[in-house]
N, C-alpha and C. Protein backbone atom coordinates (compact mmCIF):
# COMPACT_ATOMS: atom_id res chain seq x y z
N MET A 1 -41.35 33.00 15.34
CA MET A 1 -41.75 32.27 14.14
C MET A 1 -43.00 31.44 14.45
N SER A 2 -44.03 31.56 13.61
CA SER A 2 -45.26 30.81 13.83
C SER A 2 -45.06 29.34 13.53
N GLU A 3 -45.98 28.52 14.04
CA GLU A 3 -45.88 27.08 13.81
C GLU A 3 -45.96 26.77 12.32
N ARG A 4 -46.83 27.48 11.60
CA ARG A 4 -46.97 27.23 10.16
C ARG A 4 -45.69 27.59 9.42
N THR A 5 -45.11 28.73 9.80
CA THR A 5 -43.86 29.13 9.16
C THR A 5 -42.75 28.13 9.45
N SER A 6 -42.72 27.64 10.69
CA SER A 6 -41.71 26.65 11.07
C SER A 6 -41.89 25.36 10.28
N GLN A 7 -43.13 24.94 10.09
CA GLN A 7 -43.39 23.73 9.31
C GLN A 7 -42.97 23.89 7.86
N ARG A 8 -43.22 25.08 7.30
CA ARG A 8 -42.80 25.33 5.91
C ARG A 8 -41.28 25.29 5.79
N ALA A 9 -40.61 25.89 6.76
CA ALA A 9 -39.14 25.90 6.74
C ALA A 9 -38.59 24.48 6.85
N GLN A 10 -39.21 23.67 7.72
CA GLN A 10 -38.77 22.29 7.87
C GLN A 10 -39.01 21.49 6.59
N ALA A 11 -40.16 21.70 5.97
CA ALA A 11 -40.47 21.00 4.72
C ALA A 11 -39.49 21.38 3.63
N ALA A 12 -39.14 22.68 3.57
CA ALA A 12 -38.18 23.14 2.56
C ALA A 12 -36.81 22.52 2.79
N ALA A 13 -36.39 22.44 4.06
CA ALA A 13 -35.09 21.85 4.38
C ALA A 13 -35.07 20.37 4.03
N GLU A 14 -36.16 19.68 4.31
CA GLU A 14 -36.23 18.26 3.98
C GLU A 14 -36.21 18.03 2.48
N ALA A 15 -36.91 18.90 1.72
CA ALA A 15 -36.91 18.77 0.26
C ALA A 15 -35.51 19.02 -0.29
N ARG A 16 -34.83 19.99 0.28
CA ARG A 16 -33.47 20.31 -0.17
C ARG A 16 -32.54 19.12 0.07
N THR A 17 -32.66 18.50 1.23
CA THR A 17 -31.82 17.34 1.53
C THR A 17 -32.13 16.18 0.58
N ARG A 18 -33.41 15.96 0.30
CA ARG A 18 -33.78 14.89 -0.64
C ARG A 18 -33.20 15.16 -2.03
N ILE A 19 -33.21 16.42 -2.44
CA ILE A 19 -32.66 16.78 -3.75
C ILE A 19 -31.16 16.49 -3.80
N LEU A 20 -30.44 16.88 -2.74
CA LEU A 20 -28.99 16.66 -2.72
C LEU A 20 -28.65 15.17 -2.72
N ALA A 21 -29.38 14.39 -1.91
CA ALA A 21 -29.14 12.95 -1.88
C ALA A 21 -29.47 12.32 -3.22
N ALA A 22 -30.56 12.76 -3.84
CA ALA A 22 -30.96 12.21 -5.14
C ALA A 22 -29.94 12.58 -6.21
N ALA A 23 -29.44 13.81 -6.17
CA ALA A 23 -28.45 14.24 -7.15
C ALA A 23 -27.18 13.41 -7.04
N ALA A 24 -26.74 13.16 -5.81
CA ALA A 24 -25.55 12.32 -5.60
C ALA A 24 -25.78 10.92 -6.16
N ASP A 25 -26.95 10.35 -5.89
CA ASP A 25 -27.26 9.01 -6.38
C ASP A 25 -27.31 8.97 -7.90
N CYS A 26 -27.91 9.99 -8.51
CA CYS A 26 -28.03 10.03 -9.98
C CYS A 26 -26.66 10.16 -10.64
N ILE A 27 -25.79 11.00 -10.06
CA ILE A 27 -24.46 11.19 -10.63
C ILE A 27 -23.68 9.88 -10.58
N VAL A 28 -23.75 9.19 -9.44
CA VAL A 28 -23.03 7.92 -9.28
C VAL A 28 -23.62 6.85 -10.18
N ARG A 29 -24.94 6.79 -10.25
CA ARG A 29 -25.62 5.74 -11.02
C ARG A 29 -25.49 5.93 -12.52
N ASP A 30 -25.68 7.16 -13.00
CA ASP A 30 -25.77 7.41 -14.44
C ASP A 30 -24.51 8.01 -15.05
N GLY A 31 -23.63 8.58 -14.22
CA GLY A 31 -22.50 9.31 -14.75
C GLY A 31 -22.90 10.75 -15.03
N LEU A 32 -21.96 11.66 -14.84
CA LEU A 32 -22.27 13.08 -14.94
C LEU A 32 -22.82 13.48 -16.30
N ALA A 33 -22.30 12.87 -17.35
CA ALA A 33 -22.71 13.25 -18.70
C ALA A 33 -24.19 12.95 -18.95
N GLN A 34 -24.73 11.97 -18.23
CA GLN A 34 -26.12 11.56 -18.47
C GLN A 34 -27.11 12.17 -17.48
N VAL A 35 -26.62 12.89 -16.50
CA VAL A 35 -27.50 13.42 -15.46
C VAL A 35 -28.31 14.59 -16.00
N ARG A 36 -29.60 14.56 -15.73
CA ARG A 36 -30.50 15.65 -16.10
C ARG A 36 -31.23 16.14 -14.86
N MET A 37 -31.51 17.43 -14.83
CA MET A 37 -32.21 18.00 -13.68
C MET A 37 -33.57 17.32 -13.48
N ALA A 38 -34.25 16.99 -14.58
CA ALA A 38 -35.56 16.34 -14.48
C ALA A 38 -35.45 14.98 -13.81
N SER A 39 -34.37 14.26 -14.12
CA SER A 39 -34.16 12.95 -13.51
C SER A 39 -33.90 13.08 -12.02
N ILE A 40 -33.14 14.10 -11.64
CA ILE A 40 -32.87 14.35 -10.22
C ILE A 40 -34.17 14.67 -9.49
N ALA A 41 -35.01 15.50 -10.11
CA ALA A 41 -36.29 15.86 -9.49
C ALA A 41 -37.16 14.62 -9.28
N ARG A 42 -37.21 13.75 -10.29
CA ARG A 42 -38.02 12.53 -10.16
C ARG A 42 -37.50 11.64 -9.04
N THR A 43 -36.19 11.48 -8.99
CA THR A 43 -35.59 10.63 -7.97
C THR A 43 -35.85 11.20 -6.57
N ALA A 44 -35.82 12.52 -6.45
CA ALA A 44 -36.05 13.17 -5.16
C ALA A 44 -37.52 13.23 -4.79
N GLY A 45 -38.40 12.98 -5.78
CA GLY A 45 -39.83 13.07 -5.53
C GLY A 45 -40.33 14.49 -5.39
N VAL A 46 -39.70 15.41 -6.14
CA VAL A 46 -40.12 16.82 -6.12
C VAL A 46 -40.37 17.27 -7.55
N SER A 47 -41.02 18.41 -7.69
CA SER A 47 -41.26 18.96 -9.01
C SER A 47 -39.99 19.62 -9.54
N ALA A 48 -39.92 19.74 -10.87
CA ALA A 48 -38.78 20.43 -11.46
C ALA A 48 -38.72 21.88 -10.99
N GLY A 49 -39.91 22.47 -10.81
CA GLY A 49 -39.96 23.85 -10.33
C GLY A 49 -39.36 24.01 -8.95
N LEU A 50 -39.64 23.06 -8.07
CA LEU A 50 -39.09 23.12 -6.72
C LEU A 50 -37.58 22.93 -6.75
N LEU A 51 -37.11 22.04 -7.60
CA LEU A 51 -35.66 21.84 -7.72
C LEU A 51 -34.98 23.14 -8.15
N HIS A 52 -35.53 23.79 -9.16
CA HIS A 52 -34.93 25.03 -9.66
C HIS A 52 -35.10 26.17 -8.66
N TYR A 53 -36.11 26.08 -7.80
CA TYR A 53 -36.27 27.08 -6.75
C TYR A 53 -35.08 27.01 -5.78
N HIS A 54 -34.66 25.81 -5.45
CA HIS A 54 -33.54 25.63 -4.53
C HIS A 54 -32.19 25.83 -5.22
N PHE A 55 -32.08 25.40 -6.48
CA PHE A 55 -30.80 25.44 -7.18
C PHE A 55 -31.01 25.97 -8.60
N ASP A 56 -30.51 27.17 -8.84
CA ASP A 56 -30.72 27.82 -10.15
C ASP A 56 -29.98 27.10 -11.27
N THR A 57 -28.80 26.61 -10.98
CA THR A 57 -27.95 26.02 -12.02
C THR A 57 -27.40 24.67 -11.57
N LYS A 58 -26.97 23.88 -12.54
CA LYS A 58 -26.32 22.61 -12.23
C LYS A 58 -25.05 22.83 -11.41
N GLU A 59 -24.30 23.87 -11.77
CA GLU A 59 -23.04 24.12 -11.07
C GLU A 59 -23.28 24.38 -9.59
N LEU A 60 -24.32 25.18 -9.28
CA LEU A 60 -24.65 25.44 -7.89
C LEU A 60 -25.08 24.15 -7.19
N LEU A 61 -25.90 23.37 -7.87
CA LEU A 61 -26.36 22.09 -7.31
C LEU A 61 -25.19 21.17 -7.04
N PHE A 62 -24.28 21.02 -8.01
CA PHE A 62 -23.17 20.10 -7.86
C PHE A 62 -22.26 20.51 -6.70
N GLY A 63 -22.04 21.82 -6.54
CA GLY A 63 -21.24 22.29 -5.42
C GLY A 63 -21.86 21.92 -4.09
N GLU A 64 -23.18 22.08 -3.99
CA GLU A 64 -23.88 21.73 -2.76
C GLU A 64 -23.91 20.21 -2.54
N VAL A 65 -23.94 19.45 -3.63
CA VAL A 65 -23.89 17.99 -3.51
C VAL A 65 -22.56 17.56 -2.89
N LEU A 66 -21.46 18.19 -3.32
CA LEU A 66 -20.17 17.87 -2.74
C LEU A 66 -20.15 18.18 -1.24
N LYS A 67 -20.68 19.34 -0.87
CA LYS A 67 -20.72 19.71 0.54
C LYS A 67 -21.59 18.74 1.34
N TYR A 68 -22.72 18.37 0.77
CA TYR A 68 -23.62 17.43 1.44
C TYR A 68 -22.94 16.08 1.65
N SER A 69 -22.32 15.55 0.61
CA SER A 69 -21.64 14.26 0.69
C SER A 69 -20.50 14.32 1.72
N HIS A 70 -19.76 15.41 1.70
CA HIS A 70 -18.64 15.57 2.63
C HIS A 70 -19.14 15.63 4.07
N ALA A 71 -20.25 16.32 4.30
CA ALA A 71 -20.80 16.43 5.66
C ALA A 71 -21.22 15.07 6.19
N VAL A 72 -21.87 14.27 5.34
CA VAL A 72 -22.27 12.92 5.75
C VAL A 72 -21.04 12.10 6.10
N SER A 73 -20.01 12.19 5.24
CA SER A 73 -18.79 11.42 5.47
C SER A 73 -18.06 11.91 6.72
N ALA A 74 -18.03 13.24 6.93
CA ALA A 74 -17.31 13.80 8.07
C ALA A 74 -17.88 13.30 9.39
N GLU A 75 -19.19 13.16 9.45
CA GLU A 75 -19.82 12.64 10.67
C GLU A 75 -19.37 11.21 10.93
N LEU A 76 -19.33 10.40 9.87
CA LEU A 76 -18.88 9.02 10.02
C LEU A 76 -17.40 8.95 10.37
N ASN A 77 -16.61 9.88 9.79
CA ASN A 77 -15.18 9.91 10.11
C ASN A 77 -14.95 10.16 11.60
N GLN A 78 -15.71 11.10 12.15
CA GLN A 78 -15.56 11.41 13.57
C GLN A 78 -15.93 10.21 14.43
N ARG A 79 -16.98 9.50 14.04
CA ARG A 79 -17.38 8.31 14.78
C ARG A 79 -16.32 7.21 14.68
N ALA A 80 -15.72 7.08 13.49
CA ALA A 80 -14.68 6.07 13.31
C ALA A 80 -13.47 6.37 14.18
N MET A 81 -13.09 7.64 14.27
CA MET A 81 -11.94 8.00 15.10
C MET A 81 -12.26 7.82 16.58
N ALA A 82 -13.48 8.18 16.98
CA ALA A 82 -13.88 7.97 18.37
C ALA A 82 -13.87 6.48 18.71
N ASN A 83 -14.28 5.66 17.75
CA ASN A 83 -14.28 4.22 17.94
C ASN A 83 -12.87 3.66 18.06
N ALA A 84 -11.91 4.36 17.46
CA ALA A 84 -10.52 3.89 17.48
C ALA A 84 -9.83 4.14 18.82
N GLY A 85 -10.42 5.01 19.66
CA GLY A 85 -9.82 5.29 20.96
C GLY A 85 -9.03 6.58 20.97
N GLU A 86 -8.21 6.77 22.00
CA GLU A 86 -7.50 8.02 22.22
C GLU A 86 -6.12 8.06 21.54
N GLY A 87 -5.58 6.91 21.18
CA GLY A 87 -4.23 6.89 20.63
C GLY A 87 -4.12 7.60 19.30
N PRO A 88 -3.15 8.52 19.13
CA PRO A 88 -3.00 9.24 17.86
C PRO A 88 -2.75 8.30 16.67
N ALA A 89 -1.95 7.26 16.87
CA ALA A 89 -1.65 6.34 15.77
C ALA A 89 -2.91 5.60 15.34
N GLU A 90 -3.72 5.19 16.32
CA GLU A 90 -4.96 4.48 16.00
C GLU A 90 -5.96 5.41 15.32
N ARG A 91 -6.05 6.66 15.80
CA ARG A 91 -6.98 7.61 15.18
C ARG A 91 -6.55 7.96 13.76
N LEU A 92 -5.24 8.14 13.56
CA LEU A 92 -4.75 8.46 12.23
C LEU A 92 -5.02 7.31 11.27
N SER A 93 -4.76 6.10 11.71
CA SER A 93 -5.00 4.93 10.87
C SER A 93 -6.48 4.83 10.49
N SER A 94 -7.37 5.02 11.46
CA SER A 94 -8.80 4.92 11.17
C SER A 94 -9.27 6.04 10.27
N PHE A 95 -8.74 7.25 10.45
CA PHE A 95 -9.15 8.36 9.59
C PHE A 95 -8.69 8.14 8.15
N LEU A 96 -7.44 7.75 7.97
CA LEU A 96 -6.95 7.52 6.61
C LEU A 96 -7.68 6.37 5.93
N ASP A 97 -8.08 5.38 6.72
CA ASP A 97 -8.87 4.29 6.14
C ASP A 97 -10.21 4.80 5.63
N ARG A 98 -10.78 5.79 6.32
CA ARG A 98 -12.03 6.39 5.87
C ARG A 98 -11.82 7.22 4.61
N CYS A 99 -10.56 7.51 4.26
CA CYS A 99 -10.25 8.23 3.02
C CYS A 99 -10.08 7.28 1.84
N LEU A 100 -10.26 5.99 2.07
CA LEU A 100 -10.23 4.99 1.00
C LEU A 100 -11.65 4.54 0.68
N PRO A 101 -11.88 3.99 -0.52
CA PRO A 101 -13.20 3.41 -0.83
C PRO A 101 -13.32 2.05 -0.14
N SER A 102 -13.34 2.09 1.21
CA SER A 102 -13.22 0.87 2.00
C SER A 102 -14.56 0.25 2.39
N ASP A 103 -15.66 0.92 2.07
CA ASP A 103 -16.98 0.35 2.30
C ASP A 103 -17.94 0.93 1.26
N GLU A 104 -19.18 0.51 1.31
CA GLU A 104 -20.13 0.92 0.28
C GLU A 104 -20.36 2.44 0.28
N GLN A 105 -20.48 3.02 1.45
CA GLN A 105 -20.70 4.46 1.53
C GLN A 105 -19.52 5.24 0.98
N ARG A 106 -18.29 4.79 1.34
CA ARG A 106 -17.10 5.49 0.86
C ARG A 106 -16.93 5.31 -0.65
N ALA A 107 -17.23 4.12 -1.17
CA ALA A 107 -17.13 3.90 -2.61
C ALA A 107 -18.10 4.81 -3.36
N HIS A 108 -19.29 4.99 -2.80
CA HIS A 108 -20.29 5.89 -3.38
C HIS A 108 -19.74 7.31 -3.44
N GLU A 109 -19.14 7.76 -2.34
CA GLU A 109 -18.59 9.11 -2.31
C GLU A 109 -17.41 9.26 -3.27
N TRP A 110 -16.57 8.21 -3.34
CA TRP A 110 -15.45 8.25 -4.27
C TRP A 110 -15.94 8.39 -5.71
N LEU A 111 -16.96 7.61 -6.09
CA LEU A 111 -17.49 7.71 -7.45
C LEU A 111 -18.04 9.11 -7.72
N LEU A 112 -18.70 9.69 -6.73
CA LEU A 112 -19.23 11.04 -6.88
C LEU A 112 -18.10 12.03 -7.13
N TRP A 113 -17.05 11.96 -6.31
CA TRP A 113 -15.94 12.88 -6.48
C TRP A 113 -15.22 12.67 -7.81
N GLN A 114 -15.09 11.41 -8.23
CA GLN A 114 -14.45 11.15 -9.51
C GLN A 114 -15.26 11.76 -10.66
N GLU A 115 -16.58 11.66 -10.58
CA GLU A 115 -17.43 12.23 -11.62
C GLU A 115 -17.31 13.75 -11.68
N LEU A 116 -17.14 14.38 -10.52
CA LEU A 116 -17.13 15.84 -10.47
C LEU A 116 -15.71 16.43 -10.50
N ALA A 117 -14.69 15.57 -10.53
CA ALA A 117 -13.31 16.05 -10.44
C ALA A 117 -12.95 16.99 -11.58
N LEU A 118 -13.33 16.64 -12.81
CA LEU A 118 -12.99 17.49 -13.94
C LEU A 118 -13.69 18.84 -13.85
N LEU A 119 -14.93 18.84 -13.40
CA LEU A 119 -15.65 20.10 -13.23
C LEU A 119 -14.98 20.97 -12.18
N CYS A 120 -14.43 20.34 -11.13
CA CYS A 120 -13.73 21.11 -10.10
C CYS A 120 -12.51 21.82 -10.69
N ILE A 121 -11.92 21.22 -11.71
CA ILE A 121 -10.77 21.84 -12.37
C ILE A 121 -11.21 22.99 -13.27
N ARG A 122 -12.33 22.80 -13.96
CA ARG A 122 -12.77 23.76 -14.97
C ARG A 122 -13.63 24.89 -14.43
N ASP A 123 -14.37 24.62 -13.36
CA ASP A 123 -15.33 25.61 -12.87
C ASP A 123 -14.80 26.25 -11.58
N PRO A 124 -14.62 27.59 -11.56
CA PRO A 124 -14.06 28.26 -10.37
C PRO A 124 -14.87 28.03 -9.10
N HIS A 125 -16.20 28.00 -9.22
CA HIS A 125 -17.03 27.79 -8.03
C HIS A 125 -16.81 26.41 -7.44
N LEU A 126 -16.83 25.39 -8.30
CA LEU A 126 -16.61 24.03 -7.81
C LEU A 126 -15.17 23.83 -7.33
N ALA A 127 -14.22 24.51 -7.98
CA ALA A 127 -12.82 24.41 -7.55
C ALA A 127 -12.69 24.94 -6.12
N LYS A 128 -13.38 26.03 -5.82
CA LYS A 128 -13.33 26.60 -4.47
C LYS A 128 -13.96 25.65 -3.46
N VAL A 129 -15.08 25.05 -3.83
CA VAL A 129 -15.74 24.08 -2.94
C VAL A 129 -14.80 22.90 -2.67
N GLY A 130 -14.22 22.36 -3.73
CA GLY A 130 -13.31 21.23 -3.58
C GLY A 130 -12.13 21.55 -2.68
N ALA A 131 -11.56 22.75 -2.86
CA ALA A 131 -10.41 23.15 -2.04
C ALA A 131 -10.80 23.27 -0.57
N GLU A 132 -11.98 23.79 -0.30
CA GLU A 132 -12.45 23.94 1.09
C GLU A 132 -12.65 22.58 1.75
N LEU A 133 -13.17 21.63 1.00
CA LEU A 133 -13.42 20.32 1.58
C LEU A 133 -12.12 19.56 1.82
N TYR A 134 -11.17 19.70 0.91
CA TYR A 134 -9.86 19.09 1.14
C TYR A 134 -9.16 19.73 2.33
N GLU A 135 -9.38 21.02 2.52
CA GLU A 135 -8.77 21.70 3.66
C GLU A 135 -9.21 21.05 4.97
N ASP A 136 -10.45 20.64 5.03
CA ASP A 136 -10.96 19.97 6.23
C ASP A 136 -10.19 18.67 6.49
N LEU A 137 -9.90 17.93 5.43
CA LEU A 137 -9.12 16.70 5.58
C LEU A 137 -7.71 17.00 6.09
N TYR A 138 -7.07 18.02 5.49
CA TYR A 138 -5.71 18.37 5.89
C TYR A 138 -5.65 18.79 7.36
N VAL A 139 -6.60 19.60 7.77
CA VAL A 139 -6.62 20.08 9.16
C VAL A 139 -6.77 18.91 10.13
N THR A 140 -7.65 17.98 9.80
CA THR A 140 -7.87 16.82 10.67
C THR A 140 -6.61 15.99 10.83
N VAL A 141 -5.96 15.68 9.71
CA VAL A 141 -4.74 14.86 9.77
C VAL A 141 -3.63 15.61 10.49
N ALA A 142 -3.45 16.89 10.18
CA ALA A 142 -2.39 17.67 10.83
C ALA A 142 -2.59 17.74 12.34
N ASP A 143 -3.84 17.88 12.78
CA ASP A 143 -4.12 17.93 14.22
C ASP A 143 -3.77 16.60 14.89
N ILE A 144 -4.07 15.49 14.23
CA ILE A 144 -3.73 14.18 14.81
C ILE A 144 -2.21 14.02 14.90
N VAL A 145 -1.51 14.48 13.86
CA VAL A 145 -0.05 14.39 13.87
C VAL A 145 0.52 15.21 15.03
N ARG A 146 -0.02 16.42 15.23
CA ARG A 146 0.46 17.25 16.34
C ARG A 146 0.19 16.56 17.68
N ASP A 147 -0.97 15.93 17.80
CA ASP A 147 -1.27 15.18 19.04
C ASP A 147 -0.25 14.06 19.24
N GLY A 148 0.10 13.38 18.15
CA GLY A 148 1.07 12.30 18.25
C GLY A 148 2.45 12.78 18.62
N LEU A 149 2.84 13.94 18.10
CA LEU A 149 4.14 14.51 18.46
C LEU A 149 4.16 14.91 19.93
N ALA A 150 3.07 15.52 20.39
CA ALA A 150 3.00 15.94 21.79
C ALA A 150 3.02 14.74 22.73
N ALA A 151 2.43 13.64 22.30
CA ALA A 151 2.37 12.44 23.13
C ALA A 151 3.63 11.59 23.03
N GLY A 152 4.54 11.95 22.14
CA GLY A 152 5.76 11.17 21.96
C GLY A 152 5.56 9.89 21.18
N VAL A 153 4.40 9.79 20.49
CA VAL A 153 4.11 8.61 19.68
C VAL A 153 4.70 8.76 18.28
N PHE A 154 4.73 9.98 17.77
CA PHE A 154 5.31 10.29 16.47
C PHE A 154 6.60 11.08 16.69
N HIS A 155 7.54 10.89 15.78
CA HIS A 155 8.82 11.59 15.86
C HIS A 155 9.22 11.99 14.44
N THR A 156 8.94 13.24 14.08
CA THR A 156 9.28 13.71 12.74
C THR A 156 9.54 15.21 12.77
N ALA A 157 10.45 15.64 11.90
CA ALA A 157 10.72 17.08 11.75
C ALA A 157 9.88 17.69 10.64
N LEU A 158 9.11 16.86 9.95
CA LEU A 158 8.27 17.36 8.88
C LEU A 158 7.15 18.24 9.42
N ASP A 159 6.80 19.26 8.67
CA ASP A 159 5.69 20.13 9.04
C ASP A 159 4.39 19.32 9.02
N PRO A 160 3.60 19.33 10.09
CA PRO A 160 2.37 18.53 10.12
C PRO A 160 1.43 18.81 8.96
N ARG A 161 1.34 20.06 8.53
CA ARG A 161 0.45 20.38 7.41
C ARG A 161 0.97 19.74 6.12
N LEU A 162 2.26 19.84 5.86
CA LEU A 162 2.84 19.21 4.67
C LEU A 162 2.66 17.70 4.73
N LEU A 163 2.86 17.14 5.90
CA LEU A 163 2.69 15.71 6.07
C LEU A 163 1.24 15.30 5.81
N ALA A 164 0.30 16.13 6.27
CA ALA A 164 -1.11 15.84 6.06
C ALA A 164 -1.46 15.83 4.58
N GLU A 165 -0.99 16.81 3.85
CA GLU A 165 -1.27 16.85 2.41
C GLU A 165 -0.67 15.64 1.71
N THR A 166 0.53 15.23 2.13
CA THR A 166 1.18 14.07 1.53
C THR A 166 0.39 12.79 1.83
N ALA A 167 -0.04 12.63 3.08
CA ALA A 167 -0.79 11.43 3.46
C ALA A 167 -2.10 11.33 2.71
N VAL A 168 -2.80 12.45 2.57
CA VAL A 168 -4.07 12.45 1.84
C VAL A 168 -3.83 12.16 0.36
N ALA A 169 -2.74 12.72 -0.19
CA ALA A 169 -2.42 12.44 -1.60
C ALA A 169 -2.14 10.96 -1.82
N ILE A 170 -1.48 10.33 -0.88
CA ILE A 170 -1.21 8.89 -0.98
C ILE A 170 -2.52 8.11 -0.99
N THR A 171 -3.42 8.45 -0.07
CA THR A 171 -4.70 7.73 -0.03
C THR A 171 -5.51 7.99 -1.30
N ASP A 172 -5.42 9.20 -1.84
CA ASP A 172 -6.13 9.50 -3.09
C ASP A 172 -5.63 8.62 -4.24
N GLY A 173 -4.31 8.53 -4.36
CA GLY A 173 -3.75 7.74 -5.45
C GLY A 173 -4.07 6.26 -5.32
N LEU A 174 -3.91 5.73 -4.13
CA LEU A 174 -4.21 4.31 -3.92
C LEU A 174 -5.71 4.06 -4.02
N GLY A 175 -6.51 4.97 -3.49
CA GLY A 175 -7.96 4.81 -3.55
C GLY A 175 -8.49 4.76 -4.96
N SER A 176 -7.91 5.57 -5.85
CA SER A 176 -8.33 5.56 -7.26
C SER A 176 -8.09 4.20 -7.89
N ARG A 177 -6.98 3.59 -7.55
CA ARG A 177 -6.67 2.27 -8.10
C ARG A 177 -7.59 1.20 -7.54
N VAL A 178 -7.90 1.29 -6.25
CA VAL A 178 -8.83 0.34 -5.64
C VAL A 178 -10.20 0.47 -6.29
N LEU A 179 -10.65 1.71 -6.46
CA LEU A 179 -11.97 1.96 -7.05
C LEU A 179 -12.04 1.43 -8.47
N ALA A 180 -10.93 1.53 -9.22
CA ALA A 180 -10.88 1.04 -10.59
C ALA A 180 -10.66 -0.46 -10.66
N GLU A 181 -10.60 -1.10 -9.49
CA GLU A 181 -10.42 -2.55 -9.41
C GLU A 181 -9.13 -3.00 -10.10
N ASP A 182 -8.06 -2.26 -9.80
CA ASP A 182 -6.72 -2.61 -10.27
C ASP A 182 -6.40 -4.03 -9.78
N PRO A 183 -6.09 -4.97 -10.68
CA PRO A 183 -5.82 -6.35 -10.24
C PRO A 183 -4.58 -6.46 -9.38
N ASN A 184 -3.72 -5.45 -9.40
CA ASN A 184 -2.49 -5.49 -8.62
C ASN A 184 -2.59 -4.76 -7.28
N LEU A 185 -3.78 -4.19 -7.00
CA LEU A 185 -3.91 -3.44 -5.75
C LEU A 185 -5.35 -3.51 -5.25
N GLY A 186 -5.56 -4.31 -4.21
CA GLY A 186 -6.86 -4.35 -3.55
C GLY A 186 -6.85 -3.50 -2.30
N ILE A 187 -7.94 -3.50 -1.56
CA ILE A 187 -8.04 -2.68 -0.37
C ILE A 187 -7.03 -3.10 0.68
N ALA A 188 -6.76 -4.40 0.79
CA ALA A 188 -5.79 -4.88 1.79
C ALA A 188 -4.39 -4.34 1.48
N GLU A 189 -4.00 -4.37 0.20
CA GLU A 189 -2.68 -3.86 -0.19
C GLU A 189 -2.60 -2.35 0.01
N ALA A 190 -3.69 -1.64 -0.29
CA ALA A 190 -3.71 -0.19 -0.09
C ALA A 190 -3.54 0.15 1.39
N ARG A 191 -4.25 -0.58 2.25
CA ARG A 191 -4.13 -0.34 3.68
C ARG A 191 -2.71 -0.61 4.17
N SER A 192 -2.10 -1.68 3.70
CA SER A 192 -0.75 -2.01 4.11
C SER A 192 0.25 -0.94 3.68
N THR A 193 0.08 -0.45 2.44
CA THR A 193 0.98 0.59 1.92
C THR A 193 0.84 1.87 2.72
N ILE A 194 -0.38 2.25 3.03
CA ILE A 194 -0.61 3.47 3.81
C ILE A 194 -0.02 3.32 5.21
N ALA A 195 -0.27 2.18 5.85
CA ALA A 195 0.25 1.95 7.21
C ALA A 195 1.77 2.07 7.24
N SER A 196 2.44 1.47 6.25
CA SER A 196 3.90 1.49 6.22
C SER A 196 4.44 2.87 5.85
N THR A 197 3.89 3.45 4.80
CA THR A 197 4.42 4.72 4.29
C THR A 197 4.16 5.87 5.25
N VAL A 198 2.92 6.00 5.69
CA VAL A 198 2.60 7.09 6.61
C VAL A 198 3.26 6.86 7.96
N GLY A 199 3.42 5.58 8.35
CA GLY A 199 4.15 5.28 9.57
C GLY A 199 5.57 5.83 9.54
N VAL A 200 6.23 5.70 8.38
CA VAL A 200 7.58 6.25 8.22
C VAL A 200 7.53 7.78 8.26
N LEU A 201 6.59 8.36 7.57
CA LEU A 201 6.49 9.83 7.50
C LEU A 201 6.33 10.47 8.87
N VAL A 202 5.48 9.86 9.71
CA VAL A 202 5.23 10.45 11.03
C VAL A 202 6.27 10.02 12.07
N GLY A 203 7.15 9.08 11.69
CA GLY A 203 8.15 8.61 12.63
C GLY A 203 7.58 7.71 13.70
N HIS A 204 6.61 6.89 13.31
CA HIS A 204 6.03 5.94 14.24
C HIS A 204 6.96 4.73 14.37
N ASP A 205 6.85 4.05 15.48
CA ASP A 205 7.67 2.85 15.69
C ASP A 205 7.05 1.68 14.93
N GLY A 206 7.33 1.63 13.64
CA GLY A 206 6.74 0.61 12.78
C GLY A 206 5.52 1.15 12.06
N PRO A 207 4.87 0.30 11.27
CA PRO A 207 3.67 0.74 10.54
C PRO A 207 2.57 1.20 11.49
N LEU A 208 1.67 2.03 10.98
CA LEU A 208 0.50 2.39 11.78
C LEU A 208 -0.31 1.14 12.09
N PRO A 209 -1.01 1.11 13.20
CA PRO A 209 -1.83 -0.07 13.54
C PRO A 209 -2.98 -0.22 12.55
N PRO A 210 -3.54 -1.42 12.43
CA PRO A 210 -4.69 -1.60 11.56
C PRO A 210 -5.85 -0.70 12.01
N PRO A 211 -6.67 -0.23 11.08
CA PRO A 211 -7.82 0.59 11.47
C PRO A 211 -8.79 -0.21 12.33
N ALA A 212 -9.39 0.46 13.30
CA ALA A 212 -10.35 -0.22 14.16
C ALA A 212 -11.58 -0.62 13.35
N PRO A 213 -12.17 -1.79 13.63
CA PRO A 213 -13.40 -2.17 12.93
C PRO A 213 -14.46 -1.10 13.13
N PHE A 214 -15.17 -0.79 12.05
CA PHE A 214 -16.19 0.26 12.13
C PHE A 214 -17.30 -0.04 11.16
N GLU A 215 -18.53 -0.03 11.66
CA GLU A 215 -19.70 -0.20 10.83
C GLU A 215 -20.38 1.14 10.69
N ALA A 216 -20.54 1.61 9.46
CA ALA A 216 -21.10 2.93 9.22
C ALA A 216 -22.51 3.07 9.79
N GLY A 217 -23.23 1.96 9.85
CA GLY A 217 -24.60 2.02 10.35
C GLY A 217 -24.71 1.92 11.85
N ALA A 218 -23.60 1.68 12.51
CA ALA A 218 -23.63 1.50 13.97
C ALA A 218 -23.34 2.81 14.67
N GLN A 219 -23.90 2.99 15.83
CA GLN A 219 -23.63 4.19 16.60
C GLN A 219 -22.35 4.00 17.39
N ALA A 220 -21.60 5.08 17.52
CA ALA A 220 -20.35 4.99 18.29
C ALA A 220 -20.64 4.91 19.78
């Protein structure tokens, strides 16, 4: 590959990333009903033609936005678990905390997913994308549970995959209430409920430990 070709490829990749980040910001800021492709192009600093070159339809763009947002979050999730140490209970607690709108970045992602949730139900392409991304969450939690069982930290006869889906569903339900600023449920109450409930599910000796402090902008 020539240097010029490589530079063009890099420029195209950078433009694509700017478009995805801008689309996520526009959806969260304006709401899905108000989002226009022209507005996304302006926010990304690209022409409408370049946007349509990368993404033919809104549905294709929205699916890639979900993947982009998930990839950014997944990197932070891995750093949060590494920061929590080697203990399965500590890693599980920190991972589930990252599944809550517990900081600005997570709240942004939650709003994005809430905006696109109905489309994931109605559109087969987005439904497939959503299912694939949730699968990543289930696999991560199930693997931690298996590690905990092998280490003798967890004691449960429940299938780790079933337990993972249940734990993620709990965080989804509580997270929605936190995001909606339910006066009866703040982030502290959500964390306490998850620690107690998931602690029982995995057969931990008491609630899961508090999540390790983690700054999204800090390197692990």
